[in-house]
PDB file of all heavy atoms in Angstrom:
ATOM      1  N   TYR A   1       0.829  -1.197   0.000  1.00  0.00           N
ATOM      2  CA  TYR A   1       0.000   0.000   0.000  1.00  0.00           C
ATOM      3  C   TYR A   1       0.866   1.250   0.000  1.00  0.00           C
ATOM      4  O   TYR A   1       1.964   1.272   0.548  1.00  0.00           O
ATOM      5  CB  TYR A   1      -0.892   0.054   1.241  1.00  0.00           C
ATOM      6  CG  TYR A   1      -1.786  -1.136   1.410  1.00  0.00           C
ATOM      7  CD1 TYR A   1      -1.449  -2.164   2.274  1.00  0.00           C
ATOM      8  CD2 TYR A   1      -2.986  -1.230   0.710  1.00  0.00           C
ATOM      9  CE1 TYR A   1      -2.276  -3.257   2.446  1.00  0.00           C
ATOM     10  CE2 TYR A   1      -3.816  -2.318   0.868  1.00  0.00           C
ATOM     11  CZ  TYR A   1      -3.459  -3.331   1.738  1.00  0.00           C
ATOM     12  OH  TYR A   1      -4.288  -4.413   1.905  1.00  0.00           O
ATOM     13  N   LEU A   2       0.334   2.279  -0.593  1.00  0.00           N
ATOM     14  CA  LEU A   2       0.924   3.595  -0.478  1.00  0.00           C
ATOM     15  C   LEU A   2      -0.191   4.577  -0.154  1.00  0.00           C
ATOM     16  O   LEU A   2      -1.014   4.902  -1.011  1.00  0.00           O
ATOM     17  CB  LEU A   2       1.645   4.005  -1.760  1.00  0.00           C
ATOM     18  CG  LEU A   2       2.398   5.330  -1.700  1.00  0.00           C
ATOM     19  CD1 LEU A   2       3.550   5.251  -0.696  1.00  0.00           C
ATOM     20  CD2 LEU A   2       2.920   5.727  -3.073  1.00  0.00           C
ATOM     21  N   GLN A   3      -0.218   5.016   1.080  1.00  0.00           N
ATOM     22  CA  GLN A   3      -1.175   6.027   1.496  1.00  0.00           C
ATOM     23  C   GLN A   3      -0.600   7.387   1.156  1.00  0.00           C
ATOM     24  O   GLN A   3       0.498   7.732   1.589  1.00  0.00           O
ATOM     25  CB  GLN A   3      -1.435   5.923   3.002  1.00  0.00           C
ATOM     26  CG  GLN A   3      -2.408   6.968   3.532  1.00  0.00           C
ATOM     27  CD  GLN A   3      -3.800   6.791   2.997  1.00  0.00           C
ATOM     28  OE1 GLN A   3      -4.322   5.681   2.986  1.00  0.00           O
ATOM     29  NE2 GLN A   3      -4.410   7.876   2.523  1.00  0.00           N
ATOM     30  N   MET A   4      -1.332   8.146   0.389  1.00  0.00           N
ATOM     31  CA  MET A   4      -0.868   9.414  -0.138  1.00  0.00           C
ATOM     32  C   MET A   4      -1.785  10.514   0.374  1.00  0.00           C
ATOM     33  O   MET A   4      -2.954  10.577   0.005  1.00  0.00           O
ATOM     34  CB  MET A   4      -0.861   9.390  -1.666  1.00  0.00           C
ATOM     35  CG  MET A   4      -0.172   8.146  -2.234  1.00  0.00           C
ATOM     36  SD  MET A   4      -0.464   7.923  -4.008  1.00  0.00           S
ATOM     37  CE  MET A   4       0.623   9.181  -4.659  1.00  0.00           C
ATOM     38  N   ASN A   5      -1.248  11.357   1.217  1.00  0.00           N
ATOM     39  CA  ASN A   5      -2.004  12.455   1.805  1.00  0.00           C
ATOM     40  C   ASN A   5      -1.444  13.792   1.345  1.00  0.00           C
ATOM     41  O   ASN A   5      -0.321  13.876   0.860  1.00  0.00           O
ATOM     42  CB  ASN A   5      -1.951  12.381   3.329  1.00  0.00           C
ATOM     43  CG  ASN A   5      -2.554  11.119   3.886  1.00  0.00           C
ATOM     44  OD1 ASN A   5      -3.493  10.563   3.326  1.00  0.00           O
ATOM     45  ND2 ASN A   5      -2.027  10.669   5.024  1.00  0.00           N
ATOM     46  N   SER A   6      -2.229  14.821   1.540  1.00  0.00           N
ATOM     47  CA  SER A   6      -1.813  16.184   1.204  1.00  0.00           C
ATOM     48  C   SER A   6      -1.264  16.260  -0.207  1.00  0.00           C
ATOM     49  O   SER A   6      -0.201  16.832  -0.456  1.00  0.00           O
ATOM     50  CB  SER A   6      -0.777  16.683   2.220  1.00  0.00           C
ATOM     51  OG  SER A   6      -1.294  16.665   3.529  1.00  0.00           O
ATOM     52  N   LEU A   7      -1.997  15.704  -1.128  1.00  0.00           N
ATOM     53  CA  LEU A   7      -1.509  15.593  -2.494  1.00  0.00           C
ATOM     54  C   LEU A   7      -1.384  16.951  -3.164  1.00  0.00           C
ATOM     55  O   LEU A   7      -2.167  17.870  -2.911  1.00  0.00           O
ATOM     56  CB  LEU A   7      -2.424  14.684  -3.302  1.00  0.00           C
ATOM     57  CG  LEU A   7      -2.266  13.203  -2.955  1.00  0.00           C
ATOM     58  CD1 LEU A   7      -3.441  12.400  -3.481  1.00  0.00           C
ATOM     59  CD2 LEU A   7      -0.956  12.665  -3.520  1.00  0.00           C
ATOM     60  N   LYS A   8      -0.397  17.036  -4.017  1.00  0.00           N
ATOM     61  CA  LYS A   8      -0.063  18.253  -4.728  1.00  0.00           C
ATOM     62  C   LYS A   8      -0.096  17.998  -6.232  1.00  0.00           C
ATOM     63  O   LYS A   8       0.073  16.863  -6.673  1.00  0.00           O
ATOM     64  CB  LYS A   8       1.335  18.729  -4.332  1.00  0.00           C
ATOM     65  CG  LYS A   8       1.535  18.940  -2.851  1.00  0.00           C
ATOM     66  CD  LYS A   8       2.981  19.278  -2.541  1.00  0.00           C
ATOM     67  CE  LYS A   8       3.205  19.479  -1.065  1.00  0.00           C
ATOM     68  NZ  LYS A   8       4.619  19.794  -0.760  1.00  0.00           N
ATOM     69  N   PRO A   9      -0.263  19.037  -7.026  1.00  0.00           N
ATOM     70  CA  PRO A   9      -0.232  18.838  -8.477  1.00  0.00           C
ATOM     71  C   PRO A   9       1.043  18.160  -8.963  1.00  0.00           C
ATOM     72  O   PRO A   9       0.989  17.378  -9.917  1.00  0.00           O
ATOM     73  CB  PRO A   9      -0.348  20.264  -9.019  1.00  0.00           C
ATOM     74  CG  PRO A   9      -1.128  20.984  -7.971  1.00  0.00           C
ATOM     75  CD  PRO A   9      -0.648  20.412  -6.668  1.00  0.00           C
ATOM     76  N   GLU A  10       2.156  18.431  -8.325  1.00  0.00           N
ATOM     77  CA  GLU A  10       3.404  17.808  -8.741  1.00  0.00           C
ATOM     78  C   GLU A  10       3.483  16.319  -8.439  1.00  0.00           C
ATOM     79  O   GLU A  10       4.428  15.650  -8.868  1.00  0.00           O
ATOM     80  CB  GLU A  10       4.606  18.529  -8.119  1.00  0.00           C
ATOM     81  CG  GLU A  10       4.508  18.700  -6.613  1.00  0.00           C
ATOM     82  CD  GLU A  10       3.994  20.074  -6.208  1.00  0.00           C
ATOM     83  OE1 GLU A  10       3.024  20.552  -6.833  1.00  0.00           O
ATOM     84  OE2 GLU A  10       4.560  20.673  -5.276  1.00  0.00           O
ATOM     85  N   ASP A  11       2.511  15.792  -7.715  1.00  0.00           N
ATOM     86  CA  ASP A  11       2.437  14.354  -7.504  1.00  0.00           C
ATOM     87  C   ASP A  11       1.819  13.625  -8.690  1.00  0.00           C
ATOM     88  O   ASP A  11       1.830  12.388  -8.716  1.00  0.00           O
ATOM     89  CB  ASP A  11       1.621  14.029  -6.252  1.00  0.00           C
ATOM     90  CG  ASP A  11       2.274  14.524  -4.976  1.00  0.00           C
ATOM     91  OD1 ASP A  11       3.510  14.409  -4.848  1.00  0.00           O
ATOM     92  OD2 ASP A  11       1.540  15.013  -4.097  1.00  0.00           O
ATOM     93  N   THR A  12       1.284  14.356  -9.628  1.00  0.00           N
ATOM     94  CA  THR A  12       0.649  13.743 -10.786  1.00  0.00           C
ATOM     95  C   THR A  12       1.650  12.889 -11.549  1.00  0.00           C
ATOM     96  O   THR A  12       2.701  13.368 -11.982  1.00  0.00           O
ATOM     97  CB  THR A  12       0.069  14.817 -11.708  1.00  0.00           C
ATOM     98  OG1 THR A  12      -0.978  15.510 -11.021  1.00  0.00           O
ATOM     99  CG2 THR A  12      -0.500  14.196 -12.976  1.00  0.00           C
ATOM    100  N   ALA A  13       1.333  11.623 -11.693  1.00  0.00           N
ATOM    101  CA  ALA A  13       2.237  10.684 -12.342  1.00  0.00           C
ATOM    102  C   ALA A  13       1.557   9.336 -12.447  1.00  0.00           C
ATOM    103  O   ALA A  13       0.549   9.070 -11.781  1.00  0.00           O
ATOM    104  CB  ALA A  13       3.542  10.539 -11.547  1.00  0.00           C
ATOM    105  N   ILE A  14       2.121   8.493 -13.274  1.00  0.00           N
ATOM    106  CA  ILE A  14       1.780   7.084 -13.220  1.00  0.00           C
ATOM    107  C   ILE A  14       2.612   6.461 -12.116  1.00  0.00           C
ATOM    108  O   ILE A  14       3.827   6.664 -12.056  1.00  0.00           O
ATOM    109  CB  ILE A  14       2.056   6.373 -14.552  1.00  0.00           C
ATOM    110  CG1 ILE A  14       1.276   7.032 -15.679  1.00  0.00           C
ATOM    111  CG2 ILE A  14       1.695   4.898 -14.460  1.00  0.00           C
ATOM    112  CD1 ILE A  14       1.624   6.492 -17.055  1.00  0.00           C
ATOM    113  N   HIS A  15       1.963   5.735 -11.253  1.00  0.00           N
ATOM    114  CA  HIS A  15       2.640   5.091 -10.140  1.00  0.00           C
ATOM    115  C   HIS A  15       2.746   3.592 -10.376  1.00  0.00           C
ATOM    116  O   HIS A  15       1.770   2.945 -10.760  1.00  0.00           O
ATOM    117  CB  HIS A  15       1.896   5.360  -8.831  1.00  0.00           C
ATOM    118  CG  HIS A  15       2.067   6.764  -8.337  1.00  0.00           C
ATOM    119  ND1 HIS A  15       1.486   7.844  -8.959  1.00  0.00           N
ATOM    120  CD2 HIS A  15       2.776   7.260  -7.282  1.00  0.00           C
ATOM    121  CE1 HIS A  15       1.812   8.951  -8.314  1.00  0.00           C
ATOM    122  NE2 HIS A  15       2.595   8.624  -7.298  1.00  0.00           N
ATOM    123  N   TYR A  16       3.926   3.067 -10.143  1.00  0.00           N
ATOM    124  CA  TYR A  16       4.210   1.661 -10.363  1.00  0.00           C
ATOM    125  C   TYR A  16       4.741   1.037  -9.077  1.00  0.00           C
ATOM    126  O   TYR A  16       5.567   1.634  -8.387  1.00  0.00           O
ATOM    127  CB  TYR A  16       5.290   1.471 -11.433  1.00  0.00           C
ATOM    128  CG  TYR A  16       4.981   2.055 -12.782  1.00  0.00           C
ATOM    129  CD1 TYR A  16       5.312   3.366 -13.078  1.00  0.00           C
ATOM    130  CD2 TYR A  16       4.392   1.277 -13.769  1.00  0.00           C
ATOM    131  CE1 TYR A  16       5.051   3.906 -14.324  1.00  0.00           C
ATOM    132  CE2 TYR A  16       4.132   1.801 -15.018  1.00  0.00           C
ATOM    133  CZ  TYR A  16       4.468   3.124 -15.287  1.00  0.00           C
ATOM    134  OH  TYR A  16       4.211   3.637 -16.533  1.00  0.00           O
ATOM    135  N   CYS A  17       4.309  -0.165  -8.806  1.00  0.00           N
ATOM    136  CA  CYS A  17       4.993  -0.936  -7.781  1.00  0.00           C
ATOM    137  C   CYS A  17       5.952  -1.899  -8.458  1.00  0.00           C
ATOM    138  O   CYS A  17       5.785  -2.260  -9.624  1.00  0.00           O
ATOM    139  CB  CYS A  17       4.015  -1.677  -6.865  1.00  0.00           C
ATOM    140  SG  CYS A  17       3.071  -3.010  -7.630  1.00  0.00           S
ATOM    141  N   ALA A  18       6.968  -2.286  -7.733  1.00  0.00           N
ATOM    142  CA  ALA A  18       7.992  -3.140  -8.303  1.00  0.00           C
ATOM    143  C   ALA A  18       8.631  -4.002  -7.233  1.00  0.00           C
ATOM    144  O   ALA A  18       8.704  -3.621  -6.065  1.00  0.00           O
ATOM    145  CB  ALA A  18       9.069  -2.296  -8.994  1.00  0.00           C
ATOM    146  N   ALA A  19       9.089  -5.152  -7.666  1.00  0.00           N
ATOM    147  CA  ALA A  19       9.824  -6.071  -6.810  1.00  0.00           C
ATOM    148  C   ALA A  19      11.228  -6.235  -7.352  1.00  0.00           C
ATOM    149  O   ALA A  19      11.427  -6.274  -8.571  1.00  0.00           O
ATOM    150  CB  ALA A  19       9.123  -7.422  -6.743  1.00  0.00           C
ATOM    151  N   PRO A  20      12.215  -6.351  -6.493  1.00  0.00           N
ATOM    152  CA  PRO A  20      13.595  -6.487  -6.958  1.00  0.00           C
ATOM    153  C   PRO A  20      13.883  -7.876  -7.490  1.00  0.00           C
ATOM    154  O   PRO A  20      13.162  -8.835  -7.211  1.00  0.00           O
ATOM    155  CB  PRO A  20      14.410  -6.202  -5.698  1.00  0.00           C
ATOM    156  CG  PRO A  20      13.534  -6.692  -4.592  1.00  0.00           C
ATOM    157  CD  PRO A  20      12.134  -6.356  -5.022  1.00  0.00           C
ATOM    158  N   ARG A  21      14.945  -7.959  -8.247  1.00  0.00           N
ATOM    159  CA  ARG A  21      15.401  -9.252  -8.737  1.00  0.00           C
ATOM    160  C   ARG A  21      15.776 -10.176  -7.586  1.00  0.00           C
ATOM    161  O   ARG A  21      15.411 -11.362  -7.587  1.00  0.00           O
ATOM    162  CB  ARG A  21      16.591  -9.063  -9.679  1.00  0.00           C
ATOM    163  CG  ARG A  21      17.131 -10.344 -10.276  1.00  0.00           C
ATOM    164  CD  ARG A  21      18.222 -10.060 -11.302  1.00  0.00           C
ATOM    165  NE  ARG A  21      17.701  -9.347 -12.450  1.00  0.00           N
ATOM    166  CZ  ARG A  21      17.846  -8.040 -12.666  1.00  0.00           C
ATOM    167  NH1 ARG A  21      18.540  -7.297 -11.814  1.00  0.00           N
ATOM    168  NH2 ARG A  21      17.332  -7.483 -13.749  1.00  0.00           N
ATOM    169  N   ASP A  22      16.488  -9.649  -6.617  1.00  0.00           N
ATOM    170  CA  ASP A  22      16.859 -10.394  -5.428  1.00  0.00           C
ATOM    171  C   ASP A  22      15.891 -10.033  -4.319  1.00  0.00           C
ATOM    172  O   ASP A  22      15.766  -8.870  -3.944  1.00  0.00           O
ATOM    173  CB  ASP A  22      18.292 -10.074  -5.013  1.00  0.00           C
ATOM    174  CG  ASP A  22      19.293 -10.424  -6.087  1.00  0.00           C
ATOM    175  OD1 ASP A  22      19.157 -11.506  -6.682  1.00  0.00           O
ATOM    176  OD2 ASP A  22      20.214  -9.618  -6.331  1.00  0.00           O
ATOM    177  N   ALA A  23      15.230 -11.031  -3.781  1.00  0.00           N
ATOM    178  CA  ALA A  23      14.071 -10.821  -2.926  1.00  0.00           C
ATOM    179  C   ALA A  23      14.315  -9.837  -1.794  1.00  0.00           C
ATOM    180  O   ALA A  23      13.478  -8.977  -1.517  1.00  0.00           O
ATOM    181  CB  ALA A  23      13.588 -12.162  -2.378  1.00  0.00           C
ATOM    182  N   GLY A  24      15.454  -9.962  -1.137  1.00  0.00           N
ATOM    183  CA  GLY A  24      15.706  -9.154   0.034  1.00  0.00           C
ATOM    184  C   GLY A  24      16.378  -7.822  -0.237  1.00  0.00           C
ATOM    185  O   GLY A  24      16.638  -7.064   0.704  1.00  0.00           O
ATOM    186  N   TYR A  25      16.652  -7.530  -1.491  1.00  0.00           N
ATOM    187  CA  TYR A  25      17.351  -6.296  -1.815  1.00  0.00           C
ATOM    188  C   TYR A  25      16.494  -5.091  -1.488  1.00  0.00           C
ATOM    189  O   TYR A  25      15.328  -5.022  -1.864  1.00  0.00           O
ATOM    190  CB  TYR A  25      17.732  -6.265  -3.295  1.00  0.00           C
ATOM    191  CG  TYR A  25      18.492  -5.025  -3.676  1.00  0.00           C
ATOM    192  CD1 TYR A  25      19.865  -4.947  -3.508  1.00  0.00           C
ATOM    193  CD2 TYR A  25      17.821  -3.915  -4.181  1.00  0.00           C
ATOM    194  CE1 TYR A  25      20.562  -3.800  -3.842  1.00  0.00           C
ATOM    195  CE2 TYR A  25      18.516  -2.762  -4.511  1.00  0.00           C
ATOM    196  CZ  TYR A  25      19.880  -2.707  -4.341  1.00  0.00           C
ATOM    197  OH  TYR A  25      20.576  -1.569  -4.664  1.00  0.00           O
ATOM    198  N   LEU A  26      17.092  -4.139  -0.805  1.00  0.00           N
ATOM    199  CA  LEU A  26      16.382  -2.928  -0.406  1.00  0.00           C
ATOM    200  C   LEU A  26      17.274  -1.727  -0.632  1.00  0.00           C
ATOM    201  O   LEU A  26      18.398  -1.683  -0.136  1.00  0.00           O
ATOM    202  CB  LEU A  26      15.972  -3.011   1.061  1.00  0.00           C
ATOM    203  CG  LEU A  26      15.217  -1.815   1.631  1.00  0.00           C
ATOM    204  CD1 LEU A  26      13.852  -1.678   0.971  1.00  0.00           C
ATOM    205  CD2 LEU A  26      15.068  -1.955   3.142  1.00  0.00           C
ATOM    206  N   SER A  27      16.778  -0.783  -1.372  1.00  0.00           N
ATOM    207  CA  SER A  27      17.490   0.457  -1.592  1.00  0.00           C
ATOM    208  C   SER A  27      16.572   1.628  -1.265  1.00  0.00           C
ATOM    209  O   SER A  27      15.346   1.508  -1.276  1.00  0.00           O
ATOM    210  CB  SER A  27      18.000   0.563  -3.033  1.00  0.00           C
ATOM    211  OG  SER A  27      16.930   0.569  -3.955  1.00  0.00           O
ATOM    212  N   HIS A  28      17.182   2.746  -0.997  1.00  0.00           N
ATOM    213  CA  HIS A  28      16.429   3.937  -0.636  1.00  0.00           C
ATOM    214  C   HIS A  28      17.064   5.153  -1.290  1.00  0.00           C
ATOM    215  O   HIS A  28      18.147   5.588  -0.879  1.00  0.00           O
ATOM    216  CB  HIS A  28      16.371   4.102   0.891  1.00  0.00           C
ATOM    217  CG  HIS A  28      17.600   3.632   1.610  1.00  0.00           C
ATOM    218  ND1 HIS A  28      17.848   2.298   1.826  1.00  0.00           N
ATOM    219  CD2 HIS A  28      18.647   4.319   2.143  1.00  0.00           C
ATOM    220  CE1 HIS A  28      19.006   2.183   2.477  1.00  0.00           C
ATOM    221  NE2 HIS A  28      19.493   3.394   2.679  1.00  0.00           N
ATOM    222  N   PRO A  29      16.407   5.710  -2.288  1.00  0.00           N
ATOM    223  CA  PRO A  29      15.134   5.253  -2.838  1.00  0.00           C
ATOM    224  C   PRO A  29      15.287   3.986  -3.675  1.00  0.00           C
ATOM    225  O   PRO A  29      16.412   3.606  -4.009  1.00  0.00           O
ATOM    226  CB  PRO A  29      14.695   6.439  -3.703  1.00  0.00           C
ATOM    227  CG  PRO A  29      15.991   7.011  -4.179  1.00  0.00           C
ATOM    228  CD  PRO A  29      16.931   6.886  -3.006  1.00  0.00           C
ATOM    229  N   PRO A  30      14.187   3.343  -3.996  1.00  0.00           N
ATOM    230  CA  PRO A  30      14.291   2.167  -4.859  1.00  0.00           C
ATOM    231  C   PRO A  30      14.802   2.563  -6.230  1.00  0.00           C
ATOM    232  O   PRO A  30      14.584   3.680  -6.704  1.00  0.00           O
ATOM    233  CB  PRO A  30      12.847   1.651  -4.921  1.00  0.00           C
ATOM    234  CG  PRO A  30      12.006   2.857  -4.646  1.00  0.00           C
ATOM    235  CD  PRO A  30      12.785   3.671  -3.662  1.00  0.00           C
ATOM    236  N   ARG A  31      15.469   1.641  -6.874  1.00  0.00           N
ATOM    237  CA  ARG A  31      16.091   1.894  -8.161  1.00  0.00           C
ATOM    238  C   ARG A  31      15.460   1.052  -9.253  1.00  0.00           C
ATOM    239  O   ARG A  31      15.338  -0.163  -9.099  1.00  0.00           O
ATOM    240  CB  ARG A  31      17.588   1.609  -8.106  1.00  0.00           C
ATOM    241  CG  ARG A  31      18.348   2.532  -7.182  1.00  0.00           C
ATOM    242  CD  ARG A  31      19.835   2.315  -7.302  1.00  0.00           C
ATOM    243  NE  ARG A  31      20.607   3.253  -6.515  1.00  0.00           N
ATOM    244  CZ  ARG A  31      21.910   3.421  -6.610  1.00  0.00           C
ATOM    245  NH1 ARG A  31      22.611   2.705  -7.475  1.00  0.00           N
ATOM    246  NH2 ARG A  31      22.522   4.301  -5.835  1.00  0.00           N
ATOM    247  N   PRO A  32      15.096   1.677 -10.347  1.00  0.00           N
ATOM    248  CA  PRO A  32      14.525   0.893 -11.451  1.00  0.00           C
ATOM    249  C   PRO A  32      15.441  -0.215 -11.941  1.00  0.00           C
ATOM    250  O   PRO A  32      14.962  -1.280 -12.337  1.00  0.00           O
ATOM    251  CB  PRO A  32      14.297   1.950 -12.541  1.00  0.00           C
ATOM    252  CG  PRO A  32      14.131   3.232 -11.796  1.00  0.00           C
ATOM    253  CD  PRO A  32      15.063   3.122 -10.617  1.00  0.00           C
ATOM    254  N   THR A  33      16.752   0.024 -11.907  1.00  0.00           N
ATOM    255  CA  THR A  33      17.685  -0.958 -12.433  1.00  0.00           C
ATOM    256  C   THR A  33      17.745  -2.223 -11.599  1.00  0.00           C
ATOM    257  O   THR A  33      18.224  -3.254 -12.076  1.00  0.00           O
ATOM    258  CB  THR A  33      19.093  -0.371 -12.546  1.00  0.00           C
ATOM    259  OG1 THR A  33      19.487   0.171 -11.282  1.00  0.00           O
ATOM    260  CG2 THR A  33      19.136   0.728 -13.594  1.00  0.00           C
ATOM    261  N   HIS A  34      17.284  -2.161 -10.368  1.00  0.00           N
ATOM    262  CA  HIS A  34      17.275  -3.331  -9.506  1.00  0.00           C
ATOM    263  C   HIS A  34      15.897  -3.982  -9.415  1.00  0.00           C
ATOM    264  O   HIS A  34      15.731  -4.948  -8.667  1.00  0.00           O
ATOM    265  CB  HIS A  34      17.755  -2.955  -8.103  1.00  0.00           C
ATOM    266  CG  HIS A  34      19.207  -2.614  -8.038  1.00  0.00           C
ATOM    267  ND1 HIS A  34      19.677  -1.333  -8.186  1.00  0.00           N
ATOM    268  CD2 HIS A  34      20.296  -3.400  -7.849  1.00  0.00           C
ATOM    269  CE1 HIS A  34      20.997  -1.334  -8.085  1.00  0.00           C
ATOM    270  NE2 HIS A  34      21.395  -2.571  -7.881  1.00  0.00           N
ATOM    271  N   SER A  35      14.970  -3.466 -10.154  1.00  0.00           N
ATOM    272  CA  SER A  35      13.603  -3.961 -10.108  1.00  0.00           C
ATOM    273  C   SER A  35      13.359  -4.895 -11.283  1.00  0.00           C
ATOM    274  O   SER A  35      13.507  -4.497 -12.441  1.00  0.00           O
ATOM    275  CB  SER A  35      12.613  -2.803 -10.137  1.00  0.00           C
ATOM    276  OG  SER A  35      12.795  -1.966  -9.005  1.00  0.00           O
ATOM    277  N   ALA A  36      12.980  -6.106 -10.982  1.00  0.00           N
ATOM    278  CA  ALA A  36      12.780  -7.124 -12.004  1.00  0.00           C
ATOM    279  C   ALA A  36      11.324  -7.305 -12.396  1.00  0.00           C
ATOM    280  O   ALA A  36      11.035  -7.782 -13.491  1.00  0.00           O
ATOM    281  CB  ALA A  36      13.341  -8.461 -11.531  1.00  0.00           C
ATOM    282  N   HIS A  37      10.424  -6.935 -11.510  1.00  0.00           N
ATOM    283  CA  HIS A  37       9.003  -7.157 -11.735  1.00  0.00           C
ATOM    284  C   HIS A  37       8.255  -5.858 -11.510  1.00  0.00           C
ATOM    285  O   HIS A  37       8.438  -5.203 -10.485  1.00  0.00           O
ATOM    286  CB  HIS A  37       8.473  -8.247 -10.801  1.00  0.00           C
ATOM    287  CG  HIS A  37       9.278  -9.505 -10.826  1.00  0.00           C
ATOM    288  ND1 HIS A  37       9.292 -10.346 -11.912  1.00  0.00           N
ATOM    289  CD2 HIS A  37      10.108 -10.052  -9.912  1.00  0.00           C
ATOM    290  CE1 HIS A  37      10.096 -11.370 -11.659  1.00  0.00           C
ATOM    291  NE2 HIS A  37      10.596 -11.213 -10.453  1.00  0.00           N
ATOM    292  N   TRP A  38       7.405  -5.541 -12.465  1.00  0.00           N
ATOM    293  CA  TRP A  38       6.680  -4.278 -12.451  1.00  0.00           C
ATOM    294  C   TRP A  38       5.197  -4.484 -12.629  1.00  0.00           C
ATOM    295  O   TRP A  38       4.764  -5.371 -13.366  1.00  0.00           O
ATOM    296  CB  TRP A  38       7.174  -3.376 -13.587  1.00  0.00           C
ATOM    297  CG  TRP A  38       8.586  -2.937 -13.448  1.00  0.00           C
ATOM    298  CD1 TRP A  38       9.698  -3.590 -13.887  1.00  0.00           C
ATOM    299  CD2 TRP A  38       9.047  -1.733 -12.825  1.00  0.00           C
ATOM    300  NE1 TRP A  38      10.827  -2.874 -13.582  1.00  0.00           N
ATOM    301  CE2 TRP A  38      10.458  -1.731 -12.929  1.00  0.00           C
ATOM    302  CE3 TRP A  38       8.402  -0.668 -12.199  1.00  0.00           C
ATOM    303  CZ2 TRP A  38      11.228  -0.685 -12.423  1.00  0.00           C
ATOM    304  CZ3 TRP A  38       9.169   0.364 -11.695  1.00  0.00           C
ATOM    305  CH2 TRP A  38      10.566   0.353 -11.815  1.00  0.00           C
ATOM    306  N   GLY A  39       4.449  -3.655 -11.964  1.00  0.00           N
ATOM    307  CA  GLY A  39       3.036  -3.587 -12.245  1.00  0.00           C
ATOM    308  C   GLY A  39       2.770  -2.759 -13.484  1.00  0.00           C
ATOM    309  O   GLY A  39       3.678  -2.182 -14.093  1.00  0.00           O
ATOM    310  N   GLN A  40       1.519  -2.684 -13.853  1.00  0.00           N
ATOM    311  CA  GLN A  40       1.130  -1.972 -15.068  1.00  0.00           C
ATOM    312  C   GLN A  40       1.004  -0.474 -14.850  1.00  0.00           C
ATOM    313  O   GLN A  40       0.922   0.283 -15.813  1.00  0.00           O
ATOM    314  CB  GLN A  40      -0.197  -2.530 -15.599  1.00  0.00           C
ATOM    315  CG  GLN A  40      -1.456  -2.009 -14.917  1.00  0.00           C
ATOM    316  CD  GLN A  40      -1.672  -2.542 -13.511  1.00  0.00           C
ATOM    317  OE1 GLN A  40      -0.999  -3.462 -13.071  1.00  0.00           O
ATOM    318  NE2 GLN A  40      -2.630  -1.948 -12.802  1.00  0.00           N
ATOM    319  N   GLY A  41       0.972  -0.059 -13.620  1.00  0.00           N
ATOM    320  CA  GLY A  41       0.869   1.348 -13.290  1.00  0.00           C
ATOM    321  C   GLY A  41      -0.555   1.783 -13.041  1.00  0.00           C
ATOM    322  O   GLY A  41      -1.510   1.225 -13.575  1.00  0.00           O
TER     323      GLY A  41
END
């Protein structure tokens, strides 16, 4: 889940969730290059 409050016009975007190639990999912020699985947005 992503709870989004106090939304602003600059938040306008397609939002995607993603899972990394390696299950436990965690980066901050997440990196597209480490994401193997993507939702449709």
